[in-house]
PDB file of N, CA and C in Angstrom:
ATOM      1  N   MET A   1      89.372 105.733  93.866  1.00  0.00           N
ATOM      2  CA  MET A   1      90.252 105.569  93.643  1.00  0.00           C
ATOM      3  C   MET A   1      91.229 105.276  92.791  1.00  0.00           C
ATOM      4  N   ALA A   2      92.939 105.601  92.697  1.00  0.00           N
ATOM      5  CA  ALA A   2      93.452 105.426  91.579  1.00  0.00           C
ATOM      6  C   ALA A   2      94.350 104.239  92.203  1.00  0.00           C
ATOM      7  N   VAL A   3      94.834 103.504  91.294  1.00  0.00           N
ATOM      8  CA  VAL A   3      95.667 102.079  91.491  1.00  0.00           C
ATOM      9  C   VAL A   3      97.069 102.295  91.192  1.00  0.00           C
ATOM     10  N   CYS A   4      98.131 102.169  91.834  1.00  0.00           N
ATOM     11  CA  CYS A   4      99.389 102.412  91.613  1.00  0.00           C
ATOM     12  C   CYS A   4      99.825 101.625  90.723  1.00  0.00           C
ATOM     13  N   THR A   5     100.780 102.027  89.516  1.00  0.00           N
ATOM     14  CA  THR A   5     101.424 100.875  88.716  1.00  0.00           C
ATOM     15  C   THR A   5     102.181 100.130  89.212  1.00  0.00           C
ATOM     16  N   PHE A   6     103.376 100.567  90.018  1.00  0.00           N
ATOM     17  CA  PHE A   6     104.061  99.814  90.535  1.00  0.00           C
ATOM     18  C   PHE A   6     103.793  98.982  91.838  1.00  0.00           C
ATOM     19  N   CYS A   7     103.355  99.849  92.625  1.00  0.00           N
ATOM     20  CA  CYS A   7     102.705  98.845  94.002  1.00  0.00           C
ATOM     21  C   CYS A   7     102.182  98.363  94.078  1.00  0.00           C
ATOM     22  N   GLY A   8     101.156  98.962  93.070  1.00  0.00           N
ATOM     23  CA  GLY A   8      99.686  98.180  93.494  1.00  0.00           C
ATOM     24  C   GLY A   8      98.738  98.648  94.876  1.00  0.00           C
ATOM     25  N   ASN A   9      98.996  99.635  95.426  1.00  0.00           N
ATOM     26  CA  ASN A   9      98.658 100.163  96.151  1.00  0.00           C
ATOM     27  C   ASN A   9      97.439 101.295  95.586  1.00  0.00           C
ATOM     28  N   LYS A  10      96.424 101.476  96.283  1.00  0.00           N
ATOM     29  CA  LYS A  10      95.347 102.362  96.563  1.00  0.00           C
ATOM     30  C   LYS A  10      95.272 104.143  96.814  1.00  0.00           C
ATOM     31  N   TYR A  11      95.324 104.844  95.700  1.00  0.00           N
ATOM     32  CA  TYR A  11      95.778 106.457  96.545  1.00  0.00           C
ATOM     33  C   TYR A  11      94.466 106.931  95.845  1.00  0.00           C
ATOM     34  N   PRO A  12      94.267 107.959  96.624  1.00  0.00           N
ATOM     35  CA  PRO A  12      93.188 109.177  96.198  1.00  0.00           C
ATOM     36  C   PRO A  12      93.650 109.665  95.055  1.00  0.00           C
ATOM     37  N   VAL A  13      92.417 110.274  94.580  1.00  0.00           N
ATOM     38  CA  VAL A  13      92.364 110.656  93.449  1.00  0.00           C
ATOM     39  C   VAL A  13      93.072 112.078  93.454  1.00  0.00           C
ATOM     40  N   GLY A  14      93.406 112.600  92.798  1.00  0.00           N
ATOM     41  CA  GLY A  14      94.028 114.144  92.989  1.00  0.00           C
ATOM     42  C   GLY A  14      95.709 114.420  93.774  1.00  0.00           C
ATOM     43  N   THR A  15      96.366 113.014  93.970  1.00  0.00           N
ATOM     44  CA  THR A  15      96.772 112.757  94.221  1.00  0.00           C
ATOM     45  C   THR A  15      97.892 112.113  93.451  1.00  0.00           C
ATOM     46  N   GLY A  16      99.340 111.891  93.541  1.00  0.00           N
ATOM     47  CA  GLY A  16     100.125 111.262  92.740  1.00  0.00           C
ATOM     48  C   GLY A  16     100.394 111.564  91.677  1.00  0.00           C
ATOM     49  N   VAL A  17     101.453 111.032  90.399  1.00  0.00           N
ATOM     50  CA  VAL A  17     101.810 111.654  89.354  1.00  0.00           C
ATOM     51  C   VAL A  17     101.227 110.584  88.334  1.00  0.00           C
ATOM     52  N   THR A  18     101.232 111.163  87.102  1.00  0.00           N
ATOM     53  CA  THR A  18     100.149 109.937  85.999  1.00  0.00           C
ATOM     54  C   THR A  18     101.145 110.448  84.940  1.00  0.00           C
ATOM     55  N   PHE A  19     102.092 109.549  83.911  1.00  0.00           N
ATOM     56  CA  PHE A  19     102.624 109.691  83.022  1.00  0.00           C
ATOM     57  C   PHE A  19     102.002 109.051  81.826  1.00  0.00           C
ATOM     58  N   ILE A  20     102.349 109.923  81.266  1.00  0.00           N
ATOM     59  CA  ILE A  20     101.243 109.062  79.532  1.00  0.00           C
ATOM     60  C   ILE A  20     102.657 109.343  78.783  1.00  0.00           C
ATOM     61  N   THR A  21     103.183 108.162  77.997  1.00  0.00           N
ATOM     62  CA  THR A  21     104.373 107.574  77.588  1.00  0.00           C
ATOM     63  C   THR A  21     103.592 108.545  75.641  1.00  0.00           C
ATOM     64  N   LYS A  22     105.049 108.685  74.765  1.00  0.00           N
ATOM     65  CA  LYS A  22     104.421 108.989  73.250  1.00  0.00           C
ATOM     66  C   LYS A  22     103.804 107.666  72.608  1.00  0.00           C
ATOM     67  N   GLN A  23     104.091 106.332  72.830  1.00  0.00           N
ATOM     68  CA  GLN A  23     103.450 105.181  72.442  1.00  0.00           C
ATOM     69  C   GLN A  23     101.917 105.150  73.276  1.00  0.00           C
ATOM     70  N   GLY A  24     101.666 106.486  74.669  1.00  0.00           N
ATOM     71  CA  GLY A  24     100.054 106.110  74.815  1.00  0.00           C
ATOM     72  C   GLY A  24     100.230 105.608  76.053  1.00  0.00           C
ATOM     73  N   VAL A  25     101.493 105.002  76.116  1.00  0.00           N
ATOM     74  CA  VAL A  25     101.013 104.055  77.866  1.00  0.00           C
ATOM     75  C   VAL A  25     100.822 104.819  79.060  1.00  0.00           C
ATOM     76  N   VAL A  26     100.046 104.751  79.941  1.00  0.00           N
ATOM     77  CA  VAL A  26      99.568 105.424  80.651  1.00  0.00           C
ATOM     78  C   VAL A  26     100.069 104.631  82.388  1.00  0.00           C
ATOM     79  N   SER A  27     101.257 105.577  83.305  1.00  0.00           N
ATOM     80  CA  SER A  27     101.102 104.775  84.372  1.00  0.00           C
ATOM     81  C   SER A  27     101.143 105.643  85.398  1.00  0.00           C
ATOM     82  N   HIS A  28     100.785 104.935  86.269  1.00  0.00           N
ATOM     83  CA  HIS A  28     100.178 106.234  87.461  1.00  0.00           C
ATOM     84  C   HIS A  28     101.081 106.078  88.642  1.00  0.00           C
ATOM     85  N   TYR A  29     101.245 106.729  89.656  1.00  0.00           N
ATOM     86  CA  TYR A  29     102.437 106.804  90.837  1.00  0.00           C
ATOM     87  C   TYR A  29     102.002 107.415  92.167  1.00  0.00           C
ATOM     88  N   CYS A  30     102.235 106.504  93.288  1.00  0.00           N
ATOM     89  CA  CYS A  30     101.096 107.411  94.491  1.00  0.00           C
ATOM     90  C   CYS A  30     102.089 107.776  95.002  1.00  0.00           C
ATOM     91  N   SER A  31     103.377 107.867  94.505  1.00  0.00           N
ATOM     92  CA  SER A  31     104.328 108.568  95.838  1.00  0.00           C
ATOM     93  C   SER A  31     105.328 108.664  95.029  1.00  0.00           C
ATOM     94  N   HIS A  32     107.133 109.466  95.051  1.00  0.00           N
ATOM     95  CA  HIS A  32     108.008 109.649  94.516  1.00  0.00           C
ATOM     96  C   HIS A  32     108.760 108.136  94.739  1.00  0.00           C
ATOM     97  N   LYS A  33     108.489 107.835  95.537  1.00  0.00           N
ATOM     98  CA  LYS A  33     109.366 106.524  95.942  1.00  0.00           C
ATOM     99  C   LYS A  33     109.401 105.346  94.783  1.00  0.00           C
ATOM    100  N   CYS A  34     107.838 105.709  94.287  1.00  0.00           N
ATOM    101  CA  CYS A  34     107.322 104.273  93.348  1.00  0.00           C
ATOM    102  C   CYS A  34     107.971 104.847  91.859  1.00  0.00           C
ATOM    103  N   GLU A  35     107.640 106.068  91.390  1.00  0.00           N
ATOM    104  CA  GLU A  35     107.778 106.549  90.693  1.00  0.00           C
ATOM    105  C   GLU A  35     109.702 106.163  90.080  1.00  0.00           C
ATOM    106  N   VAL A  36     110.215 106.435  91.368  1.00  0.00           N
ATOM    107  CA  VAL A  36     111.950 106.154  90.980  1.00  0.00           C
ATOM    108  C   VAL A  36     112.560 104.751  90.553  1.00  0.00           C
ATOM    109  N   ASN A  37     111.693 103.605  91.901  1.00  0.00           N
ATOM    110  CA  ASN A  37     112.002 102.338  91.994  1.00  0.00           C
ATOM    111  C   ASN A  37     111.252 101.795  90.609  1.00  0.00           C
ATOM    112  N   SER A  38     110.262 102.429  89.783  1.00  0.00           N
ATOM    113  CA  SER A  38     110.168 101.960  88.761  1.00  0.00           C
ATOM    114  C   SER A  38     111.149 101.500  87.378  1.00  0.00           C
ATOM    115  N   LYS A  39     111.661 102.963  87.562  1.00  0.00           N
ATOM    116  CA  LYS A  39     112.648 102.619  86.190  1.00  0.00           C
ATOM    117  C   LYS A  39     114.117 101.825  86.107  1.00  0.00           C
ATOM    118  N   THR A  40     113.753 101.563  87.853  1.00  0.00           N
ATOM    119  CA  THR A  40     115.372 100.451  88.217  1.00  0.00           C
ATOM    120  C   THR A  40     114.828  98.940  88.426  1.00  0.00           C
ATOM    121  N   ARG A  41     113.571  98.986  89.300  1.00  0.00           N
ATOM    122  CA  ARG A  41     113.399  97.760  89.935  1.00  0.00           C
ATOM    123  C   ARG A  41     112.369  96.798  89.520  1.00  0.00           C
ATOM    124  N   ASN A  42     112.025  95.748  90.087  1.00  0.00           N
ATOM    125  CA  ASN A  42     111.066  94.721  89.687  1.00  0.00           C
ATOM    126  C   ASN A  42     110.165  95.042  90.782  1.00  0.00           C
ATOM    127  N   PRO A  43     108.951  95.263  91.153  1.00  0.00           N
ATOM    128  CA  PRO A  43     107.872  95.240  92.009  1.00  0.00           C
ATOM    129  C   PRO A  43     107.814  94.103  92.401  1.00  0.00           C
ATOM    130  N   LEU A  44     108.103  93.280  91.985  1.00  0.00           N
ATOM    131  CA  LEU A  44     107.916  91.346  92.595  1.00  0.00           C
ATOM    132  C   LEU A  44     109.008  91.108  93.439  1.00  0.00           C
ATOM    133  N   HIS A  45     109.598  91.795  93.535  1.00  0.00           N
ATOM    134  CA  HIS A  45     111.506  91.322  94.066  1.00  0.00           C
ATOM    135  C   HIS A  45     111.050  92.608  95.737  1.00  0.00           C
ATOM    136  N   LEU A  46     110.376  93.183  95.944  1.00  0.00           N
ATOM    137  CA  LEU A  46     109.954  94.121  96.811  1.00  0.00           C
ATOM    138  C   LEU A  46     109.269  93.477  97.713  1.00  0.00           C
ATOM    139  N   ARG A  47     109.417  93.576  98.960  1.00  0.00           N
ATOM    140  CA  ARG A  47     108.782  93.456  99.947  1.00  0.00           C
ATOM    141  C   ARG A  47     107.018  94.076 100.068  1.00  0.00           C
ATOM    142  N   TRP A  48     107.484  95.631  99.935  1.00  0.00           N
ATOM    143  CA  TRP A  48     106.727  96.371 100.666  1.00  0.00           C
ATOM    144  C   TRP A  48     105.364  96.768  99.415  1.00  0.00           C
ATOM    145  N   THR A  49     106.081  95.842  98.014  1.00  0.00           N
ATOM    146  CA  THR A  49     104.615  96.411  97.323  1.00  0.00           C
ATOM    147  C   THR A  49     103.413  95.037  97.107  1.00  0.00           C
ATOM    148  N   LYS A  50     101.921  95.321  97.034  1.00  0.00           N
ATOM    149  CA  LYS A  50     101.154  94.035  97.038  1.00  0.00           C
ATOM    150  C   LYS A  50     101.430  93.050  95.465  1.00  0.00           C
ATOM    151  N   LYS A  51     102.476  93.520  94.620  1.00  0.00           N
ATOM    152  CA  LYS A  51     102.647  92.525  93.727  1.00  0.00           C
ATOM    153  C   LYS A  51     103.613  91.563  94.387  1.00  0.00           C
ATOM    154  N   TYR A  52     104.355  91.776  95.400  1.00  0.00           N
ATOM    155  CA  TYR A  52     105.140  90.603  95.664  1.00  0.00           C
ATOM    156  C   TYR A  52     104.474  89.862  96.780  1.00  0.00           C
ATOM    157  N   ALA A  53     103.337  90.451  97.916  1.00  0.00           N
ATOM    158  CA  ALA A  53     102.365  89.876  98.509  1.00  0.00           C
ATOM    159  C   ALA A  53     101.537  88.697  97.349  1.00  0.00           C
ATOM    160  N   LYS A  54     101.101  89.208  95.908  1.00  0.00           N
ATOM    161  CA  LYS A  54     100.287  87.915  95.122  1.00  0.00           C
ATOM    162  C   LYS A  54     101.246  86.931  95.205  1.00  0.00           C
ATOM    163  N   ARG A  55     102.722  87.174  94.572  1.00  0.00           N
ATOM    164  CA  ARG A  55     103.793  86.297  94.190  1.00  0.00           C
ATOM    165  C   ARG A  55     103.701  85.293  94.794  1.00  0.00           C
ATOM    166  N   THR A  56     103.718  85.474  96.151  1.00  0.00           N
ATOM    167  CA  THR A  56     104.261  84.360  97.064  1.00  0.00           C
ATOM    168  C   THR A  56     102.977  83.673  97.847  1.00  0.00           C
TER     169      THR A  56
END
């Protein structure tokens, strides 16, 4: 099981999207929702992420 870089949820291998930057940073996203929100939002401020739950 892979873990989403943005929300922290586990998702099955073979699904989702993996981005690799030129600097070698690997980002795994479970859905398009996480992929889009990662560009502008902080996961610590969104209630539906597991990272928000760990903060509180």
